[in-house]
PDB file of all heavy atoms in Angstrom:
ATOM      1  N   LEU A   1      27.041 -24.343  40.848  1.00  0.00           N
ATOM      2  CA  LEU A   1      28.001 -25.433  40.836  1.00  0.00           C
ATOM      3  C   LEU A   1      28.842 -25.336  39.565  1.00  0.00           C
ATOM      4  O   LEU A   1      28.329 -25.527  38.459  1.00  0.00           O
ATOM      5  CB  LEU A   1      27.271 -26.771  40.913  1.00  0.00           C
ATOM      6  CG  LEU A   1      28.134 -28.036  40.974  1.00  0.00           C
ATOM      7  CD1 LEU A   1      29.083 -28.000  42.153  1.00  0.00           C
ATOM      8  CD2 LEU A   1      27.241 -29.276  41.038  1.00  0.00           C
ATOM      9  N   LEU A   2      30.112 -25.023  39.728  1.00  0.00           N
ATOM     10  CA  LEU A   2      30.995 -24.870  38.577  1.00  0.00           C
ATOM     11  C   LEU A   2      31.496 -26.198  38.044  1.00  0.00           C
ATOM     12  O   LEU A   2      31.651 -26.374  36.833  1.00  0.00           O
ATOM     13  CB  LEU A   2      32.203 -23.998  38.956  1.00  0.00           C
ATOM     14  CG  LEU A   2      31.957 -22.519  39.197  1.00  0.00           C
ATOM     15  CD1 LEU A   2      33.268 -21.835  39.552  1.00  0.00           C
ATOM     16  CD2 LEU A   2      31.358 -21.869  37.956  1.00  0.00           C
ATOM     17  N   SER A   3      31.775 -27.129  38.942  1.00  0.00           N
ATOM     18  CA  SER A   3      32.380 -28.386  38.505  1.00  0.00           C
ATOM     19  C   SER A   3      32.090 -29.497  39.505  1.00  0.00           C
ATOM     20  O   SER A   3      32.060 -29.272  40.718  1.00  0.00           O
ATOM     21  CB  SER A   3      33.908 -28.213  38.365  1.00  0.00           C
ATOM     22  OG  SER A   3      34.512 -29.393  37.909  1.00  0.00           O
ATOM     23  N   VAL A   4      31.862 -30.692  38.962  1.00  0.00           N
ATOM     24  CA  VAL A   4      31.744 -31.910  39.760  1.00  0.00           C
ATOM     25  C   VAL A   4      32.998 -32.727  39.484  1.00  0.00           C
ATOM     26  O   VAL A   4      33.327 -32.998  38.321  1.00  0.00           O
ATOM     27  CB  VAL A   4      30.483 -32.712  39.377  1.00  0.00           C
ATOM     28  CG1 VAL A   4      30.385 -33.978  40.216  1.00  0.00           C
ATOM     29  CG2 VAL A   4      29.236 -31.850  39.537  1.00  0.00           C
ATOM     30  N   ASN A   5      33.707 -33.135  40.544  1.00  0.00           N
ATOM     31  CA  ASN A   5      35.029 -33.734  40.383  1.00  0.00           C
ATOM     32  C   ASN A   5      35.092 -35.101  41.059  1.00  0.00           C
ATOM     33  O   ASN A   5      34.727 -35.239  42.225  1.00  0.00           O
ATOM     34  CB  ASN A   5      36.092 -32.811  40.986  1.00  0.00           C
ATOM     35  CG  ASN A   5      35.895 -31.367  40.551  1.00  0.00           C
ATOM     36  OD1 ASN A   5      35.887 -31.063  39.369  1.00  0.00           O
ATOM     37  ND2 ASN A   5      35.695 -30.480  41.518  1.00  0.00           N
ATOM     38  N   VAL A   6      35.565 -36.076  40.311  1.00  0.00           N
ATOM     39  CA  VAL A   6      35.643 -37.457  40.792  1.00  0.00           C
ATOM     40  C   VAL A   6      37.076 -37.948  40.655  1.00  0.00           C
ATOM     41  O   VAL A   6      37.729 -37.708  39.640  1.00  0.00           O
ATOM     42  CB  VAL A   6      34.685 -38.361  39.986  1.00  0.00           C
ATOM     43  CG1 VAL A   6      34.853 -39.815  40.396  1.00  0.00           C
ATOM     44  CG2 VAL A   6      33.241 -37.911  40.195  1.00  0.00           C
ATOM     45  N   GLY A   7      37.564 -38.638  41.682  1.00  0.00           N
ATOM     46  CA  GLY A   7      38.936 -39.132  41.675  1.00  0.00           C
ATOM     47  C   GLY A   7      39.012 -40.641  41.577  1.00  0.00           C
ATOM     48  O   GLY A   7      38.283 -41.356  42.271  1.00  0.00           O
ATOM     49  N   LYS A   8      39.900 -41.117  40.727  1.00  0.00           N
ATOM     50  CA  LYS A   8      40.190 -42.542  40.632  1.00  0.00           C
ATOM     51  C   LYS A   8      41.426 -42.863  41.480  1.00  0.00           C
ATOM     52  O   LYS A   8      42.152 -41.967  41.912  1.00  0.00           O
ATOM     53  CB  LYS A   8      40.436 -42.948  39.177  1.00  0.00           C
ATOM     54  CG  LYS A   8      39.290 -42.606  38.233  1.00  0.00           C
ATOM     55  CD  LYS A   8      38.006 -43.320  38.632  1.00  0.00           C
ATOM     56  CE  LYS A   8      36.880 -43.019  37.648  1.00  0.00           C
ATOM     57  NZ  LYS A   8      35.603 -43.662  38.051  1.00  0.00           N
ATOM     58  N   GLU A   9      41.658 -44.143  41.712  1.00  0.00           N
ATOM     59  CA  GLU A   9      42.848 -44.560  42.452  1.00  0.00           C
ATOM     60  C   GLU A   9      44.094 -44.128  41.680  1.00  0.00           C
ATOM     61  O   GLU A   9      44.213 -44.348  40.479  1.00  0.00           O
ATOM     62  CB  GLU A   9      42.837 -46.072  42.631  1.00  0.00           C
ATOM     63  CG  GLU A   9      44.025 -46.609  43.417  1.00  0.00           C
ATOM     64  CD  GLU A   9      43.954 -48.117  43.588  1.00  0.00           C
ATOM     65  OE1 GLU A   9      42.879 -48.603  44.004  1.00  0.00           O
ATOM     66  OE2 GLU A   9      44.958 -48.791  43.292  1.00  0.00           O
ATOM     67  N   HIS A  10      45.024 -43.493  42.386  1.00  0.00           N
ATOM     68  CA  HIS A  10      46.207 -42.919  41.748  1.00  0.00           C
ATOM     69  C   HIS A  10      47.414 -43.188  42.638  1.00  0.00           C
ATOM     70  O   HIS A  10      47.374 -42.962  43.841  1.00  0.00           O
ATOM     71  CB  HIS A  10      46.004 -41.407  41.573  1.00  0.00           C
ATOM     72  CG  HIS A  10      46.987 -40.736  40.666  1.00  0.00           C
ATOM     73  ND1 HIS A  10      48.305 -40.529  41.017  1.00  0.00           N
ATOM     74  CD2 HIS A  10      46.835 -40.230  39.412  1.00  0.00           C
ATOM     75  CE1 HIS A  10      48.912 -39.902  40.025  1.00  0.00           C
ATOM     76  NE2 HIS A  10      48.050 -39.710  39.031  1.00  0.00           N
ATOM     77  N   ALA A  11      48.500 -43.656  42.033  1.00  0.00           N
ATOM     78  CA  ALA A  11      49.729 -43.877  42.789  1.00  0.00           C
ATOM     79  C   ALA A  11      50.324 -42.531  43.196  1.00  0.00           C
ATOM     80  O   ALA A  11      50.244 -41.548  42.461  1.00  0.00           O
ATOM     81  CB  ALA A  11      50.733 -44.663  41.955  1.00  0.00           C
ATOM     82  N   ILE A  12      50.905 -42.491  44.389  1.00  0.00           N
ATOM     83  CA  ILE A  12      51.511 -41.255  44.876  1.00  0.00           C
ATOM     84  C   ILE A  12      52.757 -41.588  45.681  1.00  0.00           C
ATOM     85  O   ILE A  12      52.755 -42.509  46.511  1.00  0.00           O
ATOM     86  CB  ILE A  12      50.501 -40.446  45.723  1.00  0.00           C
ATOM     87  CG1 ILE A  12      51.066 -39.074  46.092  1.00  0.00           C
ATOM     88  CG2 ILE A  12      50.069 -41.217  46.959  1.00  0.00           C
ATOM     89  CD1 ILE A  12      50.035 -38.141  46.716  1.00  0.00           C
ATOM     90  N   ARG A  13      53.824 -40.856  45.451  1.00  0.00           N
ATOM     91  CA  ARG A  13      55.065 -41.039  46.200  1.00  0.00           C
ATOM     92  C   ARG A  13      55.135 -40.026  47.330  1.00  0.00           C
ATOM     93  O   ARG A  13      54.656 -38.902  47.204  1.00  0.00           O
ATOM     94  CB  ARG A  13      56.270 -40.861  45.279  1.00  0.00           C
ATOM     95  CG  ARG A  13      56.411 -41.937  44.201  1.00  0.00           C
ATOM     96  CD  ARG A  13      57.679 -41.731  43.402  1.00  0.00           C
ATOM     97  NE  ARG A  13      57.852 -42.763  42.392  1.00  0.00           N
ATOM     98  CZ  ARG A  13      58.891 -42.835  41.569  1.00  0.00           C
ATOM     99  NH1 ARG A  13      59.845 -41.921  41.628  1.00  0.00           N
ATOM    100  NH2 ARG A  13      58.967 -43.802  40.680  1.00  0.00           N
ATOM    101  N   ASN A  14      55.759 -40.454  48.423  1.00  0.00           N
ATOM    102  CA  ASN A  14      55.987 -39.579  49.576  1.00  0.00           C
ATOM    103  C   ASN A  14      54.687 -39.084  50.205  1.00  0.00           C
ATOM    104  O   ASN A  14      54.668 -38.058  50.885  1.00  0.00           O
ATOM    105  CB  ASN A  14      56.853 -38.372  49.168  1.00  0.00           C
ATOM    106  CG  ASN A  14      58.164 -38.788  48.564  1.00  0.00           C
ATOM    107  OD1 ASN A  14      58.816 -39.720  49.038  1.00  0.00           O
ATOM    108  ND2 ASN A  14      58.562 -38.123  47.484  1.00  0.00           N
ATOM    109  N   GLY A  15      53.596 -39.813  49.963  1.00  0.00           N
ATOM    110  CA  GLY A  15      52.329 -39.472  50.593  1.00  0.00           C
ATOM    111  C   GLY A  15      52.064 -40.388  51.768  1.00  0.00           C
ATOM    112  O   GLY A  15      52.948 -40.674  52.577  1.00  0.00           O
ATOM    113  N   LYS A  16      50.832 -40.873  51.873  1.00  0.00           N
ATOM    114  CA  LYS A  16      50.481 -41.787  52.950  1.00  0.00           C
ATOM    115  C   LYS A  16      51.079 -43.173  52.677  1.00  0.00           C
ATOM    116  O   LYS A  16      51.438 -43.500  51.538  1.00  0.00           O
ATOM    117  CB  LYS A  16      48.963 -41.864  53.080  1.00  0.00           C
ATOM    118  CG  LYS A  16      48.335 -40.550  53.546  1.00  0.00           C
ATOM    119  CD  LYS A  16      48.777 -40.192  54.951  1.00  0.00           C
ATOM    120  CE  LYS A  16      48.168 -38.886  55.440  1.00  0.00           C
ATOM    121  NZ  LYS A  16      46.744 -38.968  55.708  1.00  0.00           N
ATOM    122  N   PRO A  17      51.200 -44.040  53.715  1.00  0.00           N
ATOM    123  CA  PRO A  17      51.869 -45.343  53.571  1.00  0.00           C
ATOM    124  C   PRO A  17      51.299 -46.241  52.487  1.00  0.00           C
ATOM    125  O   PRO A  17      52.029 -47.055  51.920  1.00  0.00           O
ATOM    126  CB  PRO A  17      51.683 -45.972  54.958  1.00  0.00           C
ATOM    127  CG  PRO A  17      51.596 -44.806  55.895  1.00  0.00           C
ATOM    128  CD  PRO A  17      50.851 -43.764  55.127  1.00  0.00           C
ATOM    129  N   SER A  18      50.021 -46.121  52.162  1.00  0.00           N
ATOM    130  CA  SER A  18      49.429 -46.997  51.155  1.00  0.00           C
ATOM    131  C   SER A  18      50.014 -46.770  49.773  1.00  0.00           C
ATOM    132  O   SER A  18      49.974 -47.651  48.912  1.00  0.00           O
ATOM    133  CB  SER A  18      47.913 -46.780  51.093  1.00  0.00           C
ATOM    134  OG  SER A  18      47.611 -45.514  50.530  1.00  0.00           O
ATOM    135  N   GLY A  19      50.573 -45.570  49.548  1.00  0.00           N
ATOM    136  CA  GLY A  19      51.111 -45.246  48.241  1.00  0.00           C
ATOM    137  C   GLY A  19      50.042 -44.960  47.204  1.00  0.00           C
ATOM    138  O   GLY A  19      50.347 -44.862  46.008  1.00  0.00           O
ATOM    139  N   LYS A  20      48.792 -44.815  47.647  1.00  0.00           N
ATOM    140  CA  LYS A  20      47.684 -44.556  46.734  1.00  0.00           C
ATOM    141  C   LYS A  20      46.835 -43.411  47.267  1.00  0.00           C
ATOM    142  O   LYS A  20      46.764 -43.175  48.471  1.00  0.00           O
ATOM    143  CB  LYS A  20      46.825 -45.807  46.572  1.00  0.00           C
ATOM    144  CG  LYS A  20      47.575 -47.021  46.014  1.00  0.00           C
ATOM    145  CD  LYS A  20      46.679 -48.247  45.978  1.00  0.00           C
ATOM    146  CE  LYS A  20      47.450 -49.462  45.465  1.00  0.00           C
ATOM    147  NZ  LYS A  20      46.598 -50.688  45.468  1.00  0.00           N
ATOM    148  N   THR A  21      46.183 -42.714  46.367  1.00  0.00           N
ATOM    149  CA  THR A  21      45.359 -41.581  46.758  1.00  0.00           C
ATOM    150  C   THR A  21      44.210 -41.400  45.779  1.00  0.00           C
ATOM    151  O   THR A  21      44.264 -41.858  44.639  1.00  0.00           O
ATOM    152  CB  THR A  21      46.201 -40.283  46.800  1.00  0.00           C
ATOM    153  OG1 THR A  21      45.377 -39.199  47.228  1.00  0.00           O
ATOM    154  CG2 THR A  21      46.770 -39.958  45.422  1.00  0.00           C
ATOM    155  N   GLY A  22      43.189 -40.682  46.234  1.00  0.00           N
ATOM    156  CA  GLY A  22      42.088 -40.297  45.369  1.00  0.00           C
ATOM    157  C   GLY A  22      42.019 -38.788  45.192  1.00  0.00           C
ATOM    158  O   GLY A  22      41.012 -38.263  44.728  1.00  0.00           O
ATOM    159  N   ILE A  23      43.098 -38.072  45.547  1.00  0.00           N
ATOM    160  CA  ILE A  23      43.078 -36.613  45.541  1.00  0.00           C
ATOM    161  C   ILE A  23      43.114 -36.022  44.142  1.00  0.00           C
ATOM    162  O   ILE A  23      42.697 -34.895  43.924  1.00  0.00           O
ATOM    163  CB  ILE A  23      44.250 -36.053  46.389  1.00  0.00           C
ATOM    164  CG1 ILE A  23      43.970 -34.587  46.765  1.00  0.00           C
ATOM    165  CG2 ILE A  23      45.573 -36.176  45.651  1.00  0.00           C
ATOM    166  CD1 ILE A  23      44.967 -33.996  47.726  1.00  0.00           C
ATOM    167  N   TYR A  24      43.597 -36.810  43.174  1.00  0.00           N
ATOM    168  CA  TYR A  24      43.676 -36.304  41.796  1.00  0.00           C
ATOM    169  C   TYR A  24      42.300 -36.426  41.144  1.00  0.00           C
ATOM    170  O   TYR A  24      41.983 -37.436  40.520  1.00  0.00           O
ATOM    171  CB  TYR A  24      44.728 -37.075  41.008  1.00  0.00           C
ATOM    172  CG  TYR A  24      46.136 -36.836  41.480  1.00  0.00           C
ATOM    173  CD1 TYR A  24      46.690 -37.614  42.489  1.00  0.00           C
ATOM    174  CD2 TYR A  24      46.918 -35.814  40.939  1.00  0.00           C
ATOM    175  CE1 TYR A  24      47.993 -37.394  42.935  1.00  0.00           C
ATOM    176  CE2 TYR A  24      48.209 -35.582  41.382  1.00  0.00           C
ATOM    177  CZ  TYR A  24      48.739 -36.374  42.385  1.00  0.00           C
ATOM    178  OH  TYR A  24      50.027 -36.154  42.828  1.00  0.00           O
ATOM    179  N   LYS A  25      41.502 -35.395  41.292  1.00  0.00           N
ATOM    180  CA  LYS A  25      40.121 -35.460  40.819  1.00  0.00           C
ATOM    181  C   LYS A  25      39.962 -34.741  39.484  1.00  0.00           C
ATOM    182  O   LYS A  25      40.576 -33.705  39.244  1.00  0.00           O
ATOM    183  CB  LYS A  25      39.173 -34.890  41.870  1.00  0.00           C
ATOM    184  CG  LYS A  25      39.272 -35.648  43.203  1.00  0.00           C
ATOM    185  CD  LYS A  25      38.111 -35.370  44.105  1.00  0.00           C
ATOM    186  CE  LYS A  25      38.306 -36.016  45.477  1.00  0.00           C
ATOM    187  NZ  LYS A  25      38.389 -37.482  45.403  1.00  0.00           N
ATOM    188  N   MET A  26      39.117 -35.326  38.650  1.00  0.00           N
ATOM    189  CA  MET A  26      38.874 -34.787  37.323  1.00  0.00           C
ATOM    190  C   MET A  26      37.412 -34.351  37.196  1.00  0.00           C
ATOM    191  O   MET A  26      36.502 -34.998  37.714  1.00  0.00           O
ATOM    192  CB  MET A  26      39.176 -35.837  36.253  1.00  0.00           C
ATOM    193  CG  MET A  26      40.620 -36.331  36.264  1.00  0.00           C
ATOM    194  SD  MET A  26      41.811 -35.013  35.893  1.00  0.00           S
ATOM    195  CE  MET A  26      41.380 -34.671  34.183  1.00  0.00           C
ATOM    196  N   SER A  27      37.223 -33.243  36.493  1.00  0.00           N
ATOM    197  CA  SER A  27      35.886 -32.719  36.265  1.00  0.00           C
ATOM    198  C   SER A  27      35.110 -33.634  35.327  1.00  0.00           C
ATOM    199  O   SER A  27      35.652 -34.128  34.338  1.00  0.00           O
ATOM    200  CB  SER A  27      35.996 -31.318  35.664  1.00  0.00           C
ATOM    201  OG  SER A  27      34.726 -30.785  35.390  1.00  0.00           O
ATOM    202  N   VAL A  28      33.836 -33.868  35.658  1.00  0.00           N
ATOM    203  CA  VAL A  28      32.967 -34.667  34.792  1.00  0.00           C
ATOM    204  C   VAL A  28      31.753 -33.816  34.412  1.00  0.00           C
ATOM    205  O   VAL A  28      31.307 -32.965  35.183  1.00  0.00           O
ATOM    206  CB  VAL A  28      32.514 -35.972  35.478  1.00  0.00           C
ATOM    207  CG1 VAL A  28      33.706 -36.877  35.743  1.00  0.00           C
ATOM    208  CG2 VAL A  28      31.783 -35.685  36.784  1.00  0.00           C
ATOM    209  N   THR A  29      31.233 -34.043  33.232  1.00  0.00           N
ATOM    210  CA  THR A  29      30.139 -33.211  32.727  1.00  0.00           C
ATOM    211  C   THR A  29      28.775 -33.867  32.845  1.00  0.00           C
ATOM    212  O   THR A  29      27.757 -33.194  32.735  1.00  0.00           O
ATOM    213  CB  THR A  29      30.397 -32.852  31.255  1.00  0.00           C
ATOM    214  OG1 THR A  29      30.535 -34.067  30.496  1.00  0.00           O
ATOM    215  CG2 THR A  29      31.675 -32.031  31.122  1.00  0.00           C
ATOM    216  N   THR A  30      28.756 -35.167  33.063  1.00  0.00           N
ATOM    217  CA  THR A  30      27.484 -35.875  33.174  1.00  0.00           C
ATOM    218  C   THR A  30      26.976 -35.827  34.616  1.00  0.00           C
ATOM    219  O   THR A  30      27.752 -35.596  35.546  1.00  0.00           O
ATOM    220  CB  THR A  30      27.643 -37.336  32.741  1.00  0.00           C
ATOM    221  OG1 THR A  30      28.697 -37.931  33.508  1.00  0.00           O
ATOM    222  CG2 THR A  30      27.996 -37.424  31.263  1.00  0.00           C
ATOM    223  N   PRO A  31      25.684 -36.055  34.849  1.00  0.00           N
ATOM    224  CA  PRO A  31      25.159 -36.077  36.214  1.00  0.00           C
ATOM    225  C   PRO A  31      25.840 -37.165  37.054  1.00  0.00           C
ATOM    226  O   PRO A  31      26.124 -38.255  36.554  1.00  0.00           O
ATOM    227  CB  PRO A  31      23.671 -36.389  36.021  1.00  0.00           C
ATOM    228  CG  PRO A  31      23.373 -35.932  34.638  1.00  0.00           C
ATOM    229  CD  PRO A  31      24.611 -36.213  33.847  1.00  0.00           C
ATOM    230  N   VAL A  32      26.107 -36.852  38.317  1.00  0.00           N
ATOM    231  CA  VAL A  32      26.764 -37.782  39.231  1.00  0.00           C
ATOM    232  C   VAL A  32      25.872 -37.974  40.456  1.00  0.00           C
ATOM    233  O   VAL A  32      25.384 -36.995  41.034  1.00  0.00           O
ATOM    234  CB  VAL A  32      28.147 -37.269  39.663  1.00  0.00           C
ATOM    235  CG1 VAL A  32      28.777 -38.221  40.680  1.00  0.00           C
ATOM    236  CG2 VAL A  32      29.058 -37.114  38.458  1.00  0.00           C
ATOM    237  N   GLU A  33      25.697 -39.219  40.844  1.00  0.00           N
ATOM    238  CA  GLU A  33      24.884 -39.503  42.029  1.00  0.00           C
ATOM    239  C   GLU A  33      25.664 -39.195  43.294  1.00  0.00           C
ATOM    240  O   GLU A  33      26.854 -39.540  43.414  1.00  0.00           O
ATOM    241  CB  GLU A  33      24.453 -40.965  42.034  1.00  0.00           C
ATOM    242  CG  GLU A  33      23.516 -41.297  43.186  1.00  0.00           C
ATOM    243  CD  GLU A  33      23.070 -42.744  43.202  1.00  0.00           C
ATOM    244  OE1 GLU A  33      23.665 -43.559  42.463  1.00  0.00           O
ATOM    245  OE2 GLU A  33      22.122 -43.056  43.943  1.00  0.00           O
ATOM    246  N   VAL A  34      24.990 -38.555  44.230  1.00  0.00           N
ATOM    247  CA  VAL A  34      25.564 -38.271  45.544  1.00  0.00           C
ATOM    248  C   VAL A  34      24.779 -39.078  46.571  1.00  0.00           C
ATOM    249  O   VAL A  34      23.582 -38.877  46.758  1.00  0.00           O
ATOM    250  CB  VAL A  34      25.499 -36.772  45.879  1.00  0.00           C
ATOM    251  CG1 VAL A  34      26.130 -36.515  47.253  1.00  0.00           C
ATOM    252  CG2 VAL A  34      26.203 -35.952  44.813  1.00  0.00           C
ATOM    253  N   THR A  35      25.468 -40.005  47.232  1.00  0.00           N
ATOM    254  CA  THR A  35      24.856 -40.836  48.265  1.00  0.00           C
ATOM    255  C   THR A  35      25.298 -40.322  49.631  1.00  0.00           C
ATOM    256  O   THR A  35      26.063 -39.358  49.743  1.00  0.00           O
ATOM    257  CB  THR A  35      25.268 -42.301  48.101  1.00  0.00           C
ATOM    258  OG1 THR A  35      26.645 -42.449  48.528  1.00  0.00           O
ATOM    259  CG2 THR A  35      25.142 -42.763  46.661  1.00  0.00           C
ATOM    260  N   HIS A  36      24.846 -40.990  50.676  1.00  0.00           N
ATOM    261  CA  HIS A  36      25.262 -40.586  52.030  1.00  0.00           C
ATOM    262  C   HIS A  36      26.752 -40.822  52.266  1.00  0.00           C
ATOM    263  O   HIS A  36      27.306 -40.294  53.246  1.00  0.00           O
ATOM    264  CB  HIS A  36      24.437 -41.330  53.078  1.00  0.00           C
ATOM    265  CG  HIS A  36      23.009 -40.865  53.153  1.00  0.00           C
ATOM    266  ND1 HIS A  36      22.659 -39.585  53.543  1.00  0.00           N
ATOM    267  CD2 HIS A  36      21.842 -41.499  52.871  1.00  0.00           C
ATOM    268  CE1 HIS A  36      21.345 -39.456  53.515  1.00  0.00           C
ATOM    269  NE2 HIS A  36      20.821 -40.599  53.099  1.00  0.00           N
ATOM    270  N   LEU A  37      27.395 -41.586  51.393  1.00  0.00           N
ATOM    271  CA  LEU A  37      28.834 -41.830  51.522  1.00  0.00           C
ATOM    272  C   LEU A  37      29.648 -41.076  50.483  1.00  0.00           C
ATOM    273  O   LEU A  37      30.850 -41.299  50.370  1.00  0.00           O
ATOM    274  CB  LEU A  37      29.114 -43.335  51.428  1.00  0.00           C
ATOM    275  CG  LEU A  37      28.623 -44.164  52.616  1.00  0.00           C
ATOM    276  CD1 LEU A  37      28.865 -45.643  52.375  1.00  0.00           C
ATOM    277  CD2 LEU A  37      29.312 -43.727  53.913  1.00  0.00           C
ATOM    278  N   GLY A  38      29.013 -40.203  49.709  1.00  0.00           N
ATOM    279  CA  GLY A  38      29.760 -39.384  48.780  1.00  0.00           C
ATOM    280  C   GLY A  38      29.357 -39.589  47.341  1.00  0.00           C
ATOM    281  O   GLY A  38      28.273 -40.111  47.038  1.00  0.00           O
ATOM    282  N   LEU A  39      30.234 -39.187  46.420  1.00  0.00           N
ATOM    283  CA  LEU A  39      29.940 -39.243  44.998  1.00  0.00           C
ATOM    284  C   LEU A  39      30.207 -40.639  44.447  1.00  0.00           C
ATOM    285  O   LEU A  39      31.244 -41.250  44.761  1.00  0.00           O
ATOM    286  CB  LEU A  39      30.784 -38.235  44.225  1.00  0.00           C
ATOM    287  CG  LEU A  39      30.222 -36.802  44.146  1.00  0.00           C
ATOM    288  CD1 LEU A  39      30.178 -36.171  45.522  1.00  0.00           C
ATOM    289  CD2 LEU A  39      31.034 -35.964  43.186  1.00  0.00           C
ATOM    290  N   ALA A  40      29.306 -41.114  43.626  1.00  0.00           N
ATOM    291  CA  ALA A  40      29.481 -42.416  42.986  1.00  0.00           C
ATOM    292  C   ALA A  40      30.752 -42.408  42.136  1.00  0.00           C
ATOM    293  O   ALA A  40      30.992 -41.469  41.376  1.00  0.00           O
ATOM    294  CB  ALA A  40      28.269 -42.729  42.116  1.00  0.00           C
ATOM    295  N   GLY A  41      31.570 -43.432  42.309  1.00  0.00           N
ATOM    296  CA  GLY A  41      32.785 -43.563  41.525  1.00  0.00           C
ATOM    297  C   GLY A  41      33.990 -42.829  42.074  1.00  0.00           C
ATOM    298  O   GLY A  41      35.092 -42.949  41.524  1.00  0.00           O
TER     299      GLY A  41
END
């Protein structure tokens, strides 16, 4: 595993109608919990 990446809410233009996305993910170095619905945070 090279990197664990978590995305916060981010404004995006010309994307989906909501104008928000989580695609901008940043690498984190601390342990991250993985649940049945995905990565915490």
